[in-house]
Amino acid sequence: MMFVVFVTGVRSSGKSTLARYLALNGHDAVSLDDDTAWTAGTSRHWDPDRLDALISTARDRGVQTLWLVGHADNAPDLSARFDVCALLDIDQTTVVHRVGQRRGDNHFGDSGAALQKALESHTSFLAQWRRRGAVTVDATAPVQAVAQQVLTAVAATVLTREPH
């Protein structure tokens, strides 16, 4: 049996940082935002067959919990593939601050137009995932604290659900 946990959030909510932290601490975590094959311009769409293959490969390897971390425009349409969804919640001021402080290779959504679009859709994005029952986590804290919140919230949710 394997649980598939999806963690999402708005731009600069710490998704890639969280995925790296989880992986470094022994969890099977994949940052889908770090894979440029998913990217098409300023939008991001996941190929359902590719996502299914990723999940199937993890299941075949005997993974108990697979953490898929990222943001895609079509993620809500694919949410039936996930046992639990977690939402990294940050405010718009933190988004702007973090985009200005970004380092490394992940600059998706940093351009003026993409950032403006992200800010305009911020409230509706958070509301959409909350309506879908996503576990909400305050992602303004340091990554260690965010990871602990996510692990605790997901564990509590998993204890009451059946896996795929």
C-alpha atoms as a PDB file:
ATOM      1  CA  MET A   1       0.000   0.000   0.000  1.00  0.00           C
ATOM      2  CA  MET A   2       1.245   3.455  -0.866  1.00  0.00           C
ATOM      3  CA  PHE A   3      -0.020   6.908   0.024  1.00  0.00           C
ATOM      4  CA  VAL A   4       0.411   9.663  -2.540  1.00  0.00           C
ATOM      5  CA  VAL A   5       0.699  13.091  -0.942  1.00  0.00           C
ATOM      6  CA  PHE A   6       0.498  16.198  -3.096  1.00  0.00           C
ATOM      7  CA  VAL A   7       1.874  19.469  -1.732  1.00  0.00           C
ATOM      8  CA  THR A   8       1.097  22.657  -3.611  1.00  0.00           C
ATOM      9  CA  GLY A   9       1.165  26.385  -3.078  1.00  0.00           C
ATOM     10  CA  VAL A  10       1.416  29.706  -4.837  1.00  0.00           C
ATOM     11  CA  ARG A  11       4.641  30.953  -6.368  1.00  0.00           C
ATOM     12  CA  SER A  12       7.464  31.197  -3.814  1.00  0.00           C
ATOM     13  CA  SER A  13       5.589  29.335  -1.091  1.00  0.00           C
ATOM     14  CA  GLY A  14       8.600  27.049  -0.625  1.00  0.00           C
ATOM     15  CA  LYS A  15       7.500  23.993  -2.587  1.00  0.00           C
ATOM     16  CA  SER A  16      10.893  23.116  -4.097  1.00  0.00           C
ATOM     17  CA  THR A  17      12.692  23.895  -0.843  1.00  0.00           C
ATOM     18  CA  LEU A  18      10.292  21.626   1.051  1.00  0.00           C
ATOM     19  CA  ALA A  19      10.714  18.807  -1.485  1.00  0.00           C
ATOM     20  CA  ARG A  20      14.506  18.988  -1.166  1.00  0.00           C
ATOM     21  CA  TYR A  21      14.264  19.054   2.637  1.00  0.00           C
ATOM     22  CA  LEU A  22      11.957  16.022   2.703  1.00  0.00           C
ATOM     23  CA  ALA A  23      14.222  14.096   0.313  1.00  0.00           C
ATOM     24  CA  LEU A  24      17.328  14.933   2.335  1.00  0.00           C
ATOM     25  CA  ASN A  25      15.544  13.614   5.422  1.00  0.00           C
ATOM     26  CA  GLY A  26      14.714  10.211   3.971  1.00  0.00           C
ATOM     27  CA  HIS A  27      11.313  10.804   2.367  1.00  0.00           C
ATOM     28  CA  ASP A  28      10.490   9.875  -1.232  1.00  0.00           C
ATOM     29  CA  ALA A  29       9.827  13.421  -2.427  1.00  0.00           C
ATOM     30  CA  VAL A  30       9.763  14.735  -5.980  1.00  0.00           C
ATOM     31  CA  SER A  31       9.726  18.427  -6.850  1.00  0.00           C
ATOM     32  CA  LEU A  32       7.736  18.563 -10.055  1.00  0.00           C
ATOM     33  CA  ASP A  33       8.568  22.277 -10.323  1.00  0.00           C
ATOM     34  CA  ASP A  34      12.261  21.460 -10.733  1.00  0.00           C
ATOM     35  CA  ASP A  35      11.572  19.415 -13.878  1.00  0.00           C
ATOM     36  CA  THR A  36      11.504  21.844 -16.814  1.00  0.00           C
ATOM     37  CA  ALA A  37       9.821  19.222 -19.015  1.00  0.00           C
ATOM     38  CA  TRP A  38       6.540  20.191 -17.320  1.00  0.00           C
ATOM     39  CA  THR A  39       6.943  23.868 -18.249  1.00  0.00           C
ATOM     40  CA  ALA A  40       5.388  25.544 -21.270  1.00  0.00           C
ATOM     41  CA  GLY A  41       5.975  29.297 -21.250  1.00  0.00           C
ATOM     42  CA  THR A  42       4.397  30.926 -18.228  1.00  0.00           C
ATOM     43  CA  SER A  43       1.924  28.097 -17.665  1.00  0.00           C
ATOM     44  CA  ARG A  44       2.539  24.629 -16.315  1.00  0.00           C
ATOM     45  CA  HIS A  45       0.582  21.509 -17.229  1.00  0.00           C
ATOM     46  CA  TRP A  46       1.265  17.972 -16.118  1.00  0.00           C
ATOM     47  CA  ASP A  47       0.903  15.089 -18.522  1.00  0.00           C
ATOM     48  CA  PRO A  48      -1.503  12.667 -16.772  1.00  0.00           C
ATOM     49  CA  ASP A  49       0.233   9.619 -18.265  1.00  0.00           C
ATOM     50  CA  ARG A  50       3.628  10.826 -17.088  1.00  0.00           C
ATOM     51  CA  LEU A  51       2.244  11.507 -13.609  1.00  0.00           C
ATOM     52  CA  ASP A  52       0.673   8.040 -13.520  1.00  0.00           C
ATOM     53  CA  ALA A  53       3.997   6.491 -14.563  1.00  0.00           C
ATOM     54  CA  LEU A  54       5.813   8.359 -11.794  1.00  0.00           C
ATOM     55  CA  ILE A  55       3.316   7.082  -9.205  1.00  0.00           C
ATOM     56  CA  SER A  56       3.390   3.541 -10.622  1.00  0.00           C
ATOM     57  CA  THR A  57       7.196   3.418 -10.574  1.00  0.00           C
ATOM     58  CA  ALA A  58       7.237   4.487  -6.927  1.00  0.00           C
ATOM     59  CA  ARG A  59       4.644   1.833  -6.089  1.00  0.00           C
ATOM     60  CA  ASP A  60       6.718  -0.816  -7.888  1.00  0.00           C
ATOM     61  CA  ARG A  61       9.777   0.246  -5.867  1.00  0.00           C
ATOM     62  CA  GLY A  62       7.833  -0.352  -2.647  1.00  0.00           C
ATOM     63  CA  VAL A  63       7.590   3.308  -1.630  1.00  0.00           C
ATOM     64  CA  GLN A  64       5.192   3.706   1.305  1.00  0.00           C
ATOM     65  CA  THR A  65       4.568   7.447   0.956  1.00  0.00           C
ATOM     66  CA  LEU A  66       5.279   9.394  -2.215  1.00  0.00           C
ATOM     67  CA  TRP A  67       5.488  13.165  -1.837  1.00  0.00           C
ATOM     68  CA  LEU A  68       4.717  15.002  -5.086  1.00  0.00           C
ATOM     69  CA  VAL A  69       5.392  18.693  -4.675  1.00  0.00           C
ATOM     70  CA  GLY A  70       4.566  21.366  -7.206  1.00  0.00           C
ATOM     71  CA  HIS A  71       2.141  23.662  -8.937  1.00  0.00           C
ATOM     72  CA  ALA A  72       0.346  23.046 -12.215  1.00  0.00           C
ATOM     73  CA  ASP A  73      -2.591  24.709 -13.872  1.00  0.00           C
ATOM     74  CA  ASN A  74      -4.263  21.321 -14.336  1.00  0.00           C
ATOM     75  CA  ALA A  75      -3.419  19.887 -10.880  1.00  0.00           C
ATOM     76  CA  PRO A  76      -7.034  20.180  -9.655  1.00  0.00           C
ATOM     77  CA  ASP A  77      -8.124  17.969 -12.571  1.00  0.00           C
ATOM     78  CA  LEU A  78      -5.553  15.347 -11.505  1.00  0.00           C
ATOM     79  CA  SER A  79      -6.262  15.465  -7.762  1.00  0.00           C
ATOM     80  CA  ALA A  80      -8.055  12.096  -7.713  1.00  0.00           C
ATOM     81  CA  ARG A  81      -4.575  10.544  -7.991  1.00  0.00           C
ATOM     82  CA  PHE A  82      -3.611  11.887  -4.549  1.00  0.00           C
ATOM     83  CA  ASP A  83      -4.611  10.514  -1.150  1.00  0.00           C
ATOM     84  CA  VAL A  84      -3.892  13.788   0.619  1.00  0.00           C
ATOM     85  CA  CYS A  85      -3.353  17.329  -0.604  1.00  0.00           C
ATOM     86  CA  ALA A  86      -1.456  19.887   1.457  1.00  0.00           C
ATOM     87  CA  LEU A  87      -1.479  23.602   0.744  1.00  0.00           C
ATOM     88  CA  LEU A  88       1.497  25.805   1.595  1.00  0.00           C
ATOM     89  CA  ASP A  89      -0.107  29.110   2.546  1.00  0.00           C
ATOM     90  CA  ILE A  90       1.711  32.445   2.328  1.00  0.00           C
ATOM     91  CA  ASP A  91       0.423  35.981   1.920  1.00  0.00           C
ATOM     92  CA  GLN A  92       1.022  38.192  -1.129  1.00  0.00           C
ATOM     93  CA  THR A  93       3.624  40.345   0.609  1.00  0.00           C
ATOM     94  CA  THR A  94       5.690  37.236   1.329  1.00  0.00           C
ATOM     95  CA  VAL A  95       5.327  36.137  -2.319  1.00  0.00           C
ATOM     96  CA  VAL A  96       6.770  39.436  -3.562  1.00  0.00           C
ATOM     97  CA  HIS A  97       9.558  39.380  -0.959  1.00  0.00           C
ATOM     98  CA  ARG A  98      10.577  35.793  -1.754  1.00  0.00           C
ATOM     99  CA  VAL A  99      10.525  36.334  -5.517  1.00  0.00           C
ATOM    100  CA  GLY A 100      12.931  39.248  -4.989  1.00  0.00           C
ATOM    101  CA  GLN A 101      15.218  37.045  -2.868  1.00  0.00           C
ATOM    102  CA  ARG A 102      15.275  33.973  -5.155  1.00  0.00           C
ATOM    103  CA  ARG A 103      18.536  32.240  -5.832  1.00  0.00           C
ATOM    104  CA  GLY A 104      19.317  29.089  -7.810  1.00  0.00           C
ATOM    105  CA  ASP A 105      17.776  27.733 -10.982  1.00  0.00           C
ATOM    106  CA  ASN A 106      14.029  27.850 -10.326  1.00  0.00           C
ATOM    107  CA  HIS A 107      12.836  31.195 -11.671  1.00  0.00           C
ATOM    108  CA  PHE A 108       9.428  30.071 -12.907  1.00  0.00           C
ATOM    109  CA  GLY A 109       6.950  32.904 -12.380  1.00  0.00           C
ATOM    110  CA  ASP A 110       9.555  35.565 -11.579  1.00  0.00           C
ATOM    111  CA  SER A 111       8.871  37.796 -14.583  1.00  0.00           C
ATOM    112  CA  GLY A 112       6.691  40.862 -14.134  1.00  0.00           C
ATOM    113  CA  ALA A 113       3.708  39.460 -16.039  1.00  0.00           C
ATOM    114  CA  ALA A 114       3.904  36.012 -14.450  1.00  0.00           C
ATOM    115  CA  LEU A 115       4.305  37.478 -10.970  1.00  0.00           C
ATOM    116  CA  GLN A 116       1.348  39.816 -11.542  1.00  0.00           C
ATOM    117  CA  LYS A 117      -0.775  36.877 -12.726  1.00  0.00           C
ATOM    118  CA  ALA A 118       0.246  34.882  -9.628  1.00  0.00           C
ATOM    119  CA  LEU A 119      -0.707  37.755  -7.330  1.00  0.00           C
ATOM    120  CA  GLU A 120      -4.058  38.229  -9.084  1.00  0.00           C
ATOM    121  CA  SER A 121      -4.919  34.542  -8.714  1.00  0.00           C
ATOM    122  CA  HIS A 122      -3.473  34.175  -5.175  1.00  0.00           C
ATOM    123  CA  THR A 123      -6.756  34.317  -3.233  1.00  0.00           C
ATOM    124  CA  SER A 124      -8.714  32.134  -5.655  1.00  0.00           C
ATOM    125  CA  PHE A 125      -5.899  29.553  -5.788  1.00  0.00           C
ATOM    126  CA  LEU A 126      -5.852  29.181  -2.005  1.00  0.00           C
ATOM    127  CA  ALA A 127      -9.664  29.065  -1.838  1.00  0.00           C
ATOM    128  CA  GLN A 128      -9.843  26.400  -4.558  1.00  0.00           C
ATOM    129  CA  TRP A 129      -7.525  24.011  -2.713  1.00  0.00           C
ATOM    130  CA  ARG A 130      -9.213  24.655   0.635  1.00  0.00           C
ATOM    131  CA  ARG A 131     -12.588  23.777  -0.946  1.00  0.00           C
ATOM    132  CA  ARG A 132     -11.004  20.538  -2.172  1.00  0.00           C
ATOM    133  CA  GLY A 133     -10.083  19.679   1.425  1.00  0.00           C
ATOM    134  CA  ALA A 134      -6.366  20.431   1.270  1.00  0.00           C
ATOM    135  CA  VAL A 135      -4.601  20.484   4.616  1.00  0.00           C
ATOM    136  CA  THR A 136      -3.403  24.077   5.042  1.00  0.00           C
ATOM    137  CA  VAL A 137       0.055  24.796   6.437  1.00  0.00           C
ATOM    138  CA  ASP A 138       1.581  28.185   7.292  1.00  0.00           C
ATOM    139  CA  ALA A 139       4.556  28.290   4.947  1.00  0.00           C
ATOM    140  CA  THR A 140       6.009  31.569   6.196  1.00  0.00           C
ATOM    141  CA  ALA A 141       8.091  29.690   8.791  1.00  0.00           C
ATOM    142  CA  PRO A 142      11.560  28.188   8.160  1.00  0.00           C
ATOM    143  CA  VAL A 143      11.549  24.977   6.111  1.00  0.00           C
ATOM    144  CA  GLN A 144      12.152  22.745   9.139  1.00  0.00           C
ATOM    145  CA  ALA A 145       9.016  24.075  10.840  1.00  0.00           C
ATOM    146  CA  VAL A 146       6.992  23.882   7.619  1.00  0.00           C
ATOM    147  CA  ALA A 147       8.094  20.270   7.099  1.00  0.00           C
ATOM    148  CA  GLN A 148       7.089  19.378  10.647  1.00  0.00           C
ATOM    149  CA  GLN A 149       3.674  20.997  10.154  1.00  0.00           C
ATOM    150  CA  VAL A 150       3.156  19.174   6.855  1.00  0.00           C
ATOM    151  CA  LEU A 151       4.258  15.809   8.246  1.00  0.00           C
ATOM    152  CA  THR A 152       2.013  16.177  11.292  1.00  0.00           C
ATOM    153  CA  ALA A 153      -1.022  17.386   9.337  1.00  0.00           C
ATOM    154  CA  VAL A 154      -0.665  14.735   6.651  1.00  0.00           C
ATOM    155  CA  ALA A 155      -0.138  11.962   9.230  1.00  0.00           C
ATOM    156  CA  ALA A 156      -3.315  12.984  11.043  1.00  0.00           C
ATOM    157  CA  THR A 157      -5.239  12.971   7.764  1.00  0.00           C
ATOM    158  CA  VAL A 158      -3.775   9.665   6.553  1.00  0.00           C
ATOM    159  CA  LEU A 159      -4.791   7.938   9.772  1.00  0.00           C
ATOM    160  CA  THR A 160      -8.432   8.478   8.822  1.00  0.00           C
ATOM    161  CA  ARG A 161      -8.251   7.609   5.092  1.00  0.00           C
ATOM    162  CA  GLU A 162      -7.753   4.546   2.933  1.00  0.00           C
ATOM    163  CA  PRO A 163      -4.822   4.653   0.462  1.00  0.00           C
ATOM    164  CA  HIS A 164      -5.073   4.217  -3.314  1.00  0.00           C
END
